[in-house]
Amino acid sequence: MFLLTVAGKEDEGAYAPNVGKNNVLYLFEDEEDAIRHANLLMAEDYPEMKIIEVEDELAMQICEEHGYTYCVVTPDDIIIPPKA
C-alpha cells in the first residue's frame, strides 16, 4: 500500500485529512491512485507530496493500536481532496 506525506517532512507524519470528526489516513492499494491524489492536492495549493510504500498489515495494525482512523482506497474508489 501507499500513503502520502509532505515532501521533505516525511518524518513528521502522513497526510490524513479531516473527514467528519476524524482525521483519516488514506492507504492507497495502487501507486498510480496515490500519485493522482497527490497531483489533485497540489492543484488545490497543497504542498508537494511524496508517496511512501508501506507494508499493508503493519500500517493497519499501527493505526488500530493507536486509535487512528484509516481508509483503504481501492482502484474503484474516487477520493476528492478537501479545499485547503
PDB file of N, CA and C in Angstrom:
ATOM      1  N   MET A   1       0.838  -1.173   0.000  1.00  0.00           N
ATOM      2  CA  MET A   1       0.000   0.000   0.000  1.00  0.00           C
ATOM      3  C   MET A   1       0.884   1.238   0.000  1.00  0.00           C
ATOM      4  N   PHE A   2       0.234   2.372  -0.267  1.00  0.00           N
ATOM      5  CA  PHE A   2       0.962   3.626  -0.394  1.00  0.00           C
ATOM      6  C   PHE A   2       0.232   4.706   0.388  1.00  0.00           C
ATOM      7  N   LEU A   3       1.017   5.581   1.013  1.00  0.00           N
ATOM      8  CA  LEU A   3       0.444   6.729   1.700  1.00  0.00           C
ATOM      9  C   LEU A   3       1.164   7.985   1.257  1.00  0.00           C
ATOM     10  N   LEU A   4       0.601   9.119   1.608  1.00  0.00           N
ATOM     11  CA  LEU A   4       1.168  10.405   1.206  1.00  0.00           C
ATOM     12  C   LEU A   4       1.745  11.118   2.425  1.00  0.00           C
ATOM     13  N   THR A   5       2.879  11.781   2.216  1.00  0.00           N
ATOM     14  CA  THR A   5       3.473  12.661   3.209  1.00  0.00           C
ATOM     15  C   THR A   5       3.870  13.949   2.502  1.00  0.00           C
ATOM     16  N   VAL A   6       4.053  15.003   3.269  1.00  0.00           N
ATOM     17  CA  VAL A   6       4.541  16.248   2.678  1.00  0.00           C
ATOM     18  C   VAL A   6       6.019  16.040   2.347  1.00  0.00           C
ATOM     19  N   ALA A   7       6.399  16.326   1.120  1.00  0.00           N
ATOM     20  CA  ALA A   7       7.787  16.148   0.679  1.00  0.00           C
ATOM     21  C   ALA A   7       8.722  16.944   1.580  1.00  0.00           C
ATOM     22  N   GLY A   8       9.781  16.301   2.046  1.00  0.00           N
ATOM     23  CA  GLY A   8      10.748  16.936   2.924  1.00  0.00           C
ATOM     24  C   GLY A   8      10.370  16.856   4.392  1.00  0.00           C
ATOM     25  N   LYS A   9       9.154  16.378   4.681  1.00  0.00           N
ATOM     26  CA  LYS A   9       8.693  16.263   6.068  1.00  0.00           C
ATOM     27  C   LYS A   9       8.175  14.855   6.347  1.00  0.00           C
ATOM     28  N   GLU A  10       8.791  13.892   5.715  1.00  0.00           N
ATOM     29  CA  GLU A  10       8.327  12.510   5.820  1.00  0.00           C
ATOM     30  C   GLU A  10       8.340  11.993   7.260  1.00  0.00           C
ATOM     31  N   ASP A  11       9.254  12.503   8.087  1.00  0.00           N
ATOM     32  CA  ASP A  11       9.359  12.040   9.473  1.00  0.00           C
ATOM     33  C   ASP A  11       8.310  12.674  10.391  1.00  0.00           C
ATOM     34  N   GLU A  12       7.538  13.613   9.864  1.00  0.00           N
ATOM     35  CA  GLU A  12       6.562  14.327  10.689  1.00  0.00           C
ATOM     36  C   GLU A  12       5.162  13.735  10.609  1.00  0.00           C
ATOM     37  N   GLY A  13       4.975  12.704   9.821  1.00  0.00           N
ATOM     38  CA  GLY A  13       3.674  12.061   9.738  1.00  0.00           C
ATOM     39  C   GLY A  13       3.144  12.015   8.324  1.00  0.00           C
ATOM     40  N   ALA A  14       2.016  11.343   8.195  1.00  0.00           N
ATOM     41  CA  ALA A  14       1.395  11.130   6.895  1.00  0.00           C
ATOM     42  C   ALA A  14       0.208  12.072   6.714  1.00  0.00           C
ATOM     43  N   TYR A  15      -0.154  12.278   5.468  1.00  0.00           N
ATOM     44  CA  TYR A  15      -1.322  13.089   5.128  1.00  0.00           C
ATOM     45  C   TYR A  15      -2.577  12.337   5.571  1.00  0.00           C
ATOM     46  N   ALA A  16      -3.372  12.988   6.411  1.00  0.00           N
ATOM     47  CA  ALA A  16      -4.618  12.402   6.913  1.00  0.00           C
ATOM     48  C   ALA A  16      -5.646  13.526   7.037  1.00  0.00           C
ATOM     49  N   PRO A  17      -6.445  13.742   5.990  1.00  0.00           N
ATOM     50  CA  PRO A  17      -7.395  14.858   6.011  1.00  0.00           C
ATOM     51  C   PRO A  17      -8.509  14.647   7.035  1.00  0.00           C
ATOM     52  N   ASN A  18      -9.110  15.752   7.432  1.00  0.00           N
ATOM     53  CA  ASN A  18     -10.234  15.704   8.355  1.00  0.00           C
ATOM     54  C   ASN A  18     -11.472  15.302   7.576  1.00  0.00           C
ATOM     55  N   VAL A  19     -12.085  14.201   7.980  1.00  0.00           N
ATOM     56  CA  VAL A  19     -13.305  13.704   7.354  1.00  0.00           C
ATOM     57  C   VAL A  19     -14.336  13.544   8.472  1.00  0.00           C
ATOM     58  N   GLY A  20     -15.306  14.402   8.484  1.00  0.00           N
ATOM     59  CA  GLY A  20     -16.273  14.375   9.587  1.00  0.00           C
ATOM     60  C   GLY A  20     -15.602  14.851  10.859  1.00  0.00           C
ATOM     61  N   LYS A  21     -15.554  13.982  11.865  1.00  0.00           N
ATOM     62  CA  LYS A  21     -14.952  14.330  13.153  1.00  0.00           C
ATOM     63  C   LYS A  21     -13.550  13.766  13.320  1.00  0.00           C
ATOM     64  N   ASN A  22     -13.065  13.028  12.340  1.00  0.00           N
ATOM     65  CA  ASN A  22     -11.772  12.355  12.467  1.00  0.00           C
ATOM     66  C   ASN A  22     -10.828  12.712  11.336  1.00  0.00           C
ATOM     67  N   ASN A  23      -9.553  12.640  11.632  1.00  0.00           N
ATOM     68  CA  ASN A  23      -8.554  12.645  10.568  1.00  0.00           C
ATOM     69  C   ASN A  23      -8.435  11.210  10.091  1.00  0.00           C
ATOM     70  N   VAL A  24      -8.401  11.027   8.782  1.00  0.00           N
ATOM     71  CA  VAL A  24      -8.393   9.690   8.199  1.00  0.00           C
ATOM     72  C   VAL A  24      -7.142   9.509   7.350  1.00  0.00           C
ATOM     73  N   LEU A  25      -6.364   8.487   7.672  1.00  0.00           N
ATOM     74  CA  LEU A  25      -5.183   8.144   6.896  1.00  0.00           C
ATOM     75  C   LEU A  25      -5.623   7.342   5.683  1.00  0.00           C
ATOM     76  N   TYR A  26      -5.286   7.845   4.503  1.00  0.00           N
ATOM     77  CA  TYR A  26      -5.604   7.112   3.272  1.00  0.00           C
ATOM     78  C   TYR A  26      -4.466   6.147   2.969  1.00  0.00           C
ATOM     79  N   LEU A  27      -4.815   4.880   2.800  1.00  0.00           N
ATOM     80  CA  LEU A  27      -3.870   3.844   2.375  1.00  0.00           C
ATOM     81  C   LEU A  27      -4.296   3.402   0.983  1.00  0.00           C
ATOM     82  N   PHE A  28      -3.536   3.795  -0.010  1.00  0.00           N
ATOM     83  CA  PHE A  28      -3.868   3.501  -1.402  1.00  0.00           C
ATOM     84  C   PHE A  28      -3.340   2.125  -1.791  1.00  0.00           C
ATOM     85  N   GLU A  29      -4.193   1.304  -2.389  1.00  0.00           N
ATOM     86  CA  GLU A  29      -3.751  -0.007  -2.878  1.00  0.00           C
ATOM     87  C   GLU A  29      -2.845   0.138  -4.093  1.00  0.00           C
ATOM     88  N   ASP A  30      -3.134   1.135  -4.925  1.00  0.00           N
ATOM     89  CA  ASP A  30      -2.430   1.303  -6.191  1.00  0.00           C
ATOM     90  C   ASP A  30      -1.593   2.588  -6.165  1.00  0.00           C
ATOM     91  N   GLU A  31      -0.326   2.488  -6.512  1.00  0.00           N
ATOM     92  CA  GLU A  31       0.567   3.651  -6.501  1.00  0.00           C
ATOM     93  C   GLU A  31       0.072   4.748  -7.445  1.00  0.00           C
ATOM     94  N   GLU A  32      -0.469   4.374  -8.586  1.00  0.00           N
ATOM     95  CA  GLU A  32      -0.964   5.380  -9.532  1.00  0.00           C
ATOM     96  C   GLU A  32      -2.094   6.210  -8.932  1.00  0.00           C
ATOM     97  N   ASP A  33      -2.935   5.593  -8.113  1.00  0.00           N
ATOM     98  CA  ASP A  33      -4.001   6.339  -7.442  1.00  0.00           C
ATOM     99  C   ASP A  33      -3.425   7.316  -6.422  1.00  0.00           C
ATOM    100  N   ALA A  34      -2.374   6.912  -5.723  1.00  0.00           N
ATOM    101  CA  ALA A  34      -1.713   7.804  -4.767  1.00  0.00           C
ATOM    102  C   ALA A  34      -1.089   8.990  -5.507  1.00  0.00           C
ATOM    103  N   ILE A  35      -0.460   8.719  -6.630  1.00  0.00           N
ATOM    104  CA  ILE A  35       0.142   9.795  -7.435  1.00  0.00           C
ATOM    105  C   ILE A  35      -0.940  10.744  -7.930  1.00  0.00           C
ATOM    106  N   ARG A  36      -2.034  10.200  -8.414  1.00  0.00           N
ATOM    107  CA  ARG A  36      -3.141  11.021  -8.921  1.00  0.00           C
ATOM    108  C   ARG A  36      -3.697  11.912  -7.804  1.00  0.00           C
ATOM    109  N   HIS A  37      -3.859  11.344  -6.613  1.00  0.00           N
ATOM    110  CA  HIS A  37      -4.391  12.131  -5.498  1.00  0.00           C
ATOM    111  C   HIS A  37      -3.398  13.225  -5.091  1.00  0.00           C
ATOM    112  N   ALA A  38      -2.118  12.904  -5.080  1.00  0.00           N
ATOM    113  CA  ALA A  38      -1.092  13.905  -4.757  1.00  0.00           C
ATOM    114  C   ALA A  38      -1.152  15.060  -5.757  1.00  0.00           C
ATOM    115  N   ASN A  39      -1.360  14.757  -7.028  1.00  0.00           N
ATOM    116  CA  ASN A  39      -1.462  15.797  -8.049  1.00  0.00           C
ATOM    117  C   ASN A  39      -2.721  16.651  -7.855  1.00  0.00           C
ATOM    118  N   LEU A  40      -3.819  16.021  -7.460  1.00  0.00           N
ATOM    119  CA  LEU A  40      -5.037  16.776  -7.177  1.00  0.00           C
ATOM    120  C   LEU A  40      -4.831  17.712  -5.983  1.00  0.00           C
ATOM    121  N   LEU A  41      -4.113  17.238  -4.973  1.00  0.00           N
ATOM    122  CA  LEU A  41      -3.825  18.082  -3.815  1.00  0.00           C
ATOM    123  C   LEU A  41      -2.992  19.292  -4.222  1.00  0.00           C
ATOM    124  N   MET A  42      -1.982  19.060  -5.046  1.00  0.00           N
ATOM    125  CA  MET A  42      -1.132  20.171  -5.500  1.00  0.00           C
ATOM    126  C   MET A  42      -1.952  21.185  -6.298  1.00  0.00           C
ATOM    127  N   ALA A  43      -2.924  20.724  -7.065  1.00  0.00           N
ATOM    128  CA  ALA A  43      -3.785  21.625  -7.820  1.00  0.00           C
ATOM    129  C   ALA A  43      -4.644  22.488  -6.893  1.00  0.00           C
ATOM    130  N   GLU A  44      -4.842  22.030  -5.658  1.00  0.00           N
ATOM    131  CA  GLU A  44      -5.599  22.785  -4.656  1.00  0.00           C
ATOM    132  C   GLU A  44      -4.663  23.571  -3.735  1.00  0.00           C
ATOM    133  N   ASP A  45      -3.419  23.760  -4.166  1.00  0.00           N
ATOM    134  CA  ASP A  45      -2.413  24.541  -3.444  1.00  0.00           C
ATOM    135  C   ASP A  45      -1.884  23.878  -2.172  1.00  0.00           C
ATOM    136  N   TYR A  46      -1.992  22.569  -2.084  1.00  0.00           N
ATOM    137  CA  TYR A  46      -1.328  21.844  -1.001  1.00  0.00           C
ATOM    138  C   TYR A  46       0.157  21.757  -1.340  1.00  0.00           C
ATOM    139  N   PRO A  47       0.995  21.526  -0.347  1.00  0.00           N
ATOM    140  CA  PRO A  47       2.424  21.360  -0.649  1.00  0.00           C
ATOM    141  C   PRO A  47       2.665  20.086  -1.461  1.00  0.00           C
ATOM    142  N   GLU A  48       3.843  20.003  -2.039  1.00  0.00           N
ATOM    143  CA  GLU A  48       4.220  18.804  -2.804  1.00  0.00           C
ATOM    144  C   GLU A  48       4.188  17.590  -1.883  1.00  0.00           C
ATOM    145  N   MET A  49       3.630  16.505  -2.384  1.00  0.00           N
ATOM    146  CA  MET A  49       3.522  15.265  -1.613  1.00  0.00           C
ATOM    147  C   MET A  49       4.527  14.238  -2.110  1.00  0.00           C
ATOM    148  N   LYS A  50       4.920  13.377  -1.207  1.00  0.00           N
ATOM    149  CA  LYS A  50       5.780  12.243  -1.543  1.00  0.00           C
ATOM    150  C   LYS A  50       4.986  10.975  -1.255  1.00  0.00           C
ATOM    151  N   ILE A  51       5.094  10.008  -2.156  1.00  0.00           N
ATOM    152  CA  ILE A  51       4.405   8.733  -1.990  1.00  0.00           C
ATOM    153  C   ILE A  51       5.357   7.759  -1.309  1.00  0.00           C
ATOM    154  N   ILE A  52       4.885   7.130  -0.246  1.00  0.00           N
ATOM    155  CA  ILE A  52       5.694   6.167   0.513  1.00  0.00           C
ATOM    156  C   ILE A  52       5.000   4.814   0.473  1.00  0.00           C
ATOM    157  N   GLU A  53       5.745   3.789   0.148  1.00  0.00           N
ATOM    158  CA  GLU A  53       5.184   2.437   0.175  1.00  0.00           C
ATOM    159  C   GLU A  53       5.298   1.888   1.587  1.00  0.00           C
ATOM    160  N   VAL A  54       4.206   1.301   2.078  1.00  0.00           N
ATOM    161  CA  VAL A  54       4.179   0.727   3.423  1.00  0.00           C
ATOM    162  C   VAL A  54       3.634  -0.690   3.351  1.00  0.00           C
ATOM    163  N   GLU A  55       4.008  -1.484   4.333  1.00  0.00           N
ATOM    164  CA  GLU A  55       3.506  -2.858   4.424  1.00  0.00           C
ATOM    165  C   GLU A  55       2.046  -2.814   4.871  1.00  0.00           C
ATOM    166  N   ASP A  56       1.171  -3.459   4.124  1.00  0.00           N
ATOM    167  CA  ASP A  56      -0.272  -3.396   4.349  1.00  0.00           C
ATOM    168  C   ASP A  56      -0.666  -3.674   5.797  1.00  0.00           C
ATOM    169  N   GLU A  57      -0.395  -4.864   6.243  1.00  0.00           N
ATOM    170  CA  GLU A  57      -0.842  -5.297   7.569  1.00  0.00           C
ATOM    171  C   GLU A  57      -0.228  -4.459   8.681  1.00  0.00           C
ATOM    172  N   LEU A  58       1.032  -4.102   8.548  1.00  0.00           N
ATOM    173  CA  LEU A  58       1.705  -3.315   9.570  1.00  0.00           C
ATOM    174  C   LEU A  58       1.078  -1.933   9.694  1.00  0.00           C
ATOM    175  N   ALA A  59       0.791  -1.281   8.577  1.00  0.00           N
ATOM    176  CA  ALA A  59       0.186   0.050   8.599  1.00  0.00           C
ATOM    177  C   ALA A  59      -1.179   0.004   9.287  1.00  0.00           C
ATOM    178  N   MET A  60      -1.992  -0.973   8.950  1.00  0.00           N
ATOM    179  CA  MET A  60      -3.317  -1.087   9.557  1.00  0.00           C
ATOM    180  C   MET A  60      -3.211  -1.419  11.042  1.00  0.00           C
ATOM    181  N   GLN A  61      -2.281  -2.286  11.396  1.00  0.00           N
ATOM    182  CA  GLN A  61      -2.087  -2.666  12.796  1.00  0.00           C
ATOM    183  C   GLN A  61      -1.669  -1.461  13.636  1.00  0.00           C
ATOM    184  N   ILE A  62      -0.743  -0.656  13.133  1.00  0.00           N
ATOM    185  CA  ILE A  62      -0.290   0.538  13.861  1.00  0.00           C
ATOM    186  C   ILE A  62      -1.460   1.505  14.055  1.00  0.00           C
ATOM    187  N   CYS A  63      -2.252   1.705  13.011  1.00  0.00           N
ATOM    188  CA  CYS A  63      -3.418   2.587  13.125  1.00  0.00           C
ATOM    189  C   CYS A  63      -4.371   2.086  14.205  1.00  0.00           C
ATOM    190  N   GLU A  64      -4.661   0.800  14.191  1.00  0.00           N
ATOM    191  CA  GLU A  64      -5.592   0.232  15.162  1.00  0.00           C
ATOM    192  C   GLU A  64      -5.041   0.317  16.586  1.00  0.00           C
ATOM    193  N   GLU A  65      -3.754   0.050  16.769  1.00  0.00           N
ATOM    194  CA  GLU A  65      -3.146   0.103  18.097  1.00  0.00           C
ATOM    195  C   GLU A  65      -3.173   1.506  18.693  1.00  0.00           C
ATOM    196  N   HIS A  66      -3.092   2.538  17.828  1.00  0.00           N
ATOM    197  CA  HIS A  66      -3.042   3.915  18.302  1.00  0.00           C
ATOM    198  C   HIS A  66      -4.384   4.645  18.168  1.00  0.00           C
ATOM    199  N   GLY A  67      -5.423   3.923  17.768  1.00  0.00           N
ATOM    200  CA  GLY A  67      -6.751   4.516  17.657  1.00  0.00           C
ATOM    201  C   GLY A  67      -6.915   5.475  16.495  1.00  0.00           C
ATOM    202  N   TYR A  68      -6.085   5.319  15.448  1.00  0.00           N
ATOM    203  CA  TYR A  68      -6.180   6.173  14.270  1.00  0.00           C
ATOM    204  C   TYR A  68      -7.190   5.583  13.292  1.00  0.00           C
ATOM    205  N   THR A  69      -7.893   6.461  12.621  1.00  0.00           N
ATOM    206  CA  THR A  69      -8.836   6.031  11.592  1.00  0.00           C
ATOM    207  C   THR A  69      -8.096   5.956  10.263  1.00  0.00           C
ATOM    208  N   TYR A  70      -8.341   4.896   9.507  1.00  0.00           N
ATOM    209  CA  TYR A  70      -7.720   4.755   8.191  1.00  0.00           C
ATOM    210  C   TYR A  70      -8.751   4.266   7.191  1.00  0.00           C
ATOM    211  N   CYS A  71      -8.447   4.468   5.937  1.00  0.00           N
ATOM    212  CA  CYS A  71      -9.320   4.038   4.858  1.00  0.00           C
ATOM    213  C   CYS A  71      -8.448   3.424   3.764  1.00  0.00           C
ATOM    214  N   VAL A  72      -8.767   2.212   3.386  1.00  0.00           N
ATOM    215  CA  VAL A  72      -8.069   1.570   2.270  1.00  0.00           C
ATOM    216  C   VAL A  72      -8.752   2.037   0.985  1.00  0.00           C
ATOM    217  N   VAL A  73      -7.982   2.715   0.144  1.00  0.00           N
ATOM    218  CA  VAL A  73      -8.508   3.261  -1.104  1.00  0.00           C
ATOM    219  C   VAL A  73      -8.188   2.270  -2.223  1.00  0.00           C
ATOM    220  N   THR A  74      -9.243   1.701  -2.803  1.00  0.00           N
ATOM    221  CA  THR A  74      -9.075   0.742  -3.887  1.00  0.00           C
ATOM    222  C   THR A  74      -9.112   1.467  -5.228  1.00  0.00           C
ATOM    223  N   PRO A  75      -8.708   0.803  -6.302  1.00  0.00           N
ATOM    224  CA  PRO A  75      -8.786   1.441  -7.627  1.00  0.00           C
ATOM    225  C   PRO A  75     -10.211   1.838  -8.039  1.00  0.00           C
ATOM    226  N   ASP A  76     -11.232   1.269  -7.398  1.00  0.00           N
ATOM    227  CA  ASP A  76     -12.617   1.594  -7.720  1.00  0.00           C
ATOM    228  C   ASP A  76     -13.135   2.828  -6.977  1.00  0.00           C
ATOM    229  N   ASP A  77     -12.367   3.323  -6.002  1.00  0.00           N
ATOM    230  CA  ASP A  77     -12.796   4.459  -5.194  1.00  0.00           C
ATOM    231  C   ASP A  77     -12.418   5.784  -5.852  1.00  0.00           C
ATOM    232  N   ILE A  78     -13.225   6.792  -5.585  1.00  0.00           N
ATOM    233  CA  ILE A  78     -12.938   8.151  -6.032  1.00  0.00           C
ATOM    234  C   ILE A  78     -12.790   9.008  -4.781  1.00  0.00           C
ATOM    235  N   ILE A  79     -11.635   9.609  -4.608  1.00  0.00           N
ATOM    236  CA  ILE A  79     -11.353  10.451  -3.457  1.00  0.00           C
ATOM    237  C   ILE A  79     -11.118  11.875  -3.968  1.00  0.00           C
ATOM    238  N   ILE A  80     -11.893  12.817  -3.451  1.00  0.00           N
ATOM    239  CA  ILE A  80     -11.751  14.208  -3.861  1.00  0.00           C
ATOM    240  C   ILE A  80     -11.095  14.962  -2.715  1.00  0.00           C
ATOM    241  N   PRO A  81     -10.005  15.664  -2.978  1.00  0.00           N
ATOM    242  CA  PRO A  81      -9.321  16.400  -1.908  1.00  0.00           C
ATOM    243  C   PRO A  81     -10.199  17.518  -1.347  1.00  0.00           C
ATOM    244  N   PRO A  82     -10.102  17.746  -0.033  1.00  0.00           N
ATOM    245  CA  PRO A  82     -10.819  18.870   0.551  1.00  0.00           C
ATOM    246  C   PRO A  82     -10.183  20.177   0.105  1.00  0.00           C
ATOM    247  N   LYS A  83     -10.930  21.242   0.147  1.00  0.00           N
ATOM    248  CA  LYS A  83     -10.388  22.561  -0.171  1.00  0.00           C
ATOM    249  C   LYS A  83      -9.418  22.948   0.927  1.00  0.00           C
ATOM    250  N   ALA A  84      -8.290  23.533   0.543  1.00  0.00           N
ATOM    251  CA  ALA A  84      -7.255  23.925   1.513  1.00  0.00           C
ATOM    252  C   ALA A  84      -7.781  25.020   2.420  1.00  0.00           C
TER     253      ALA A  84
END
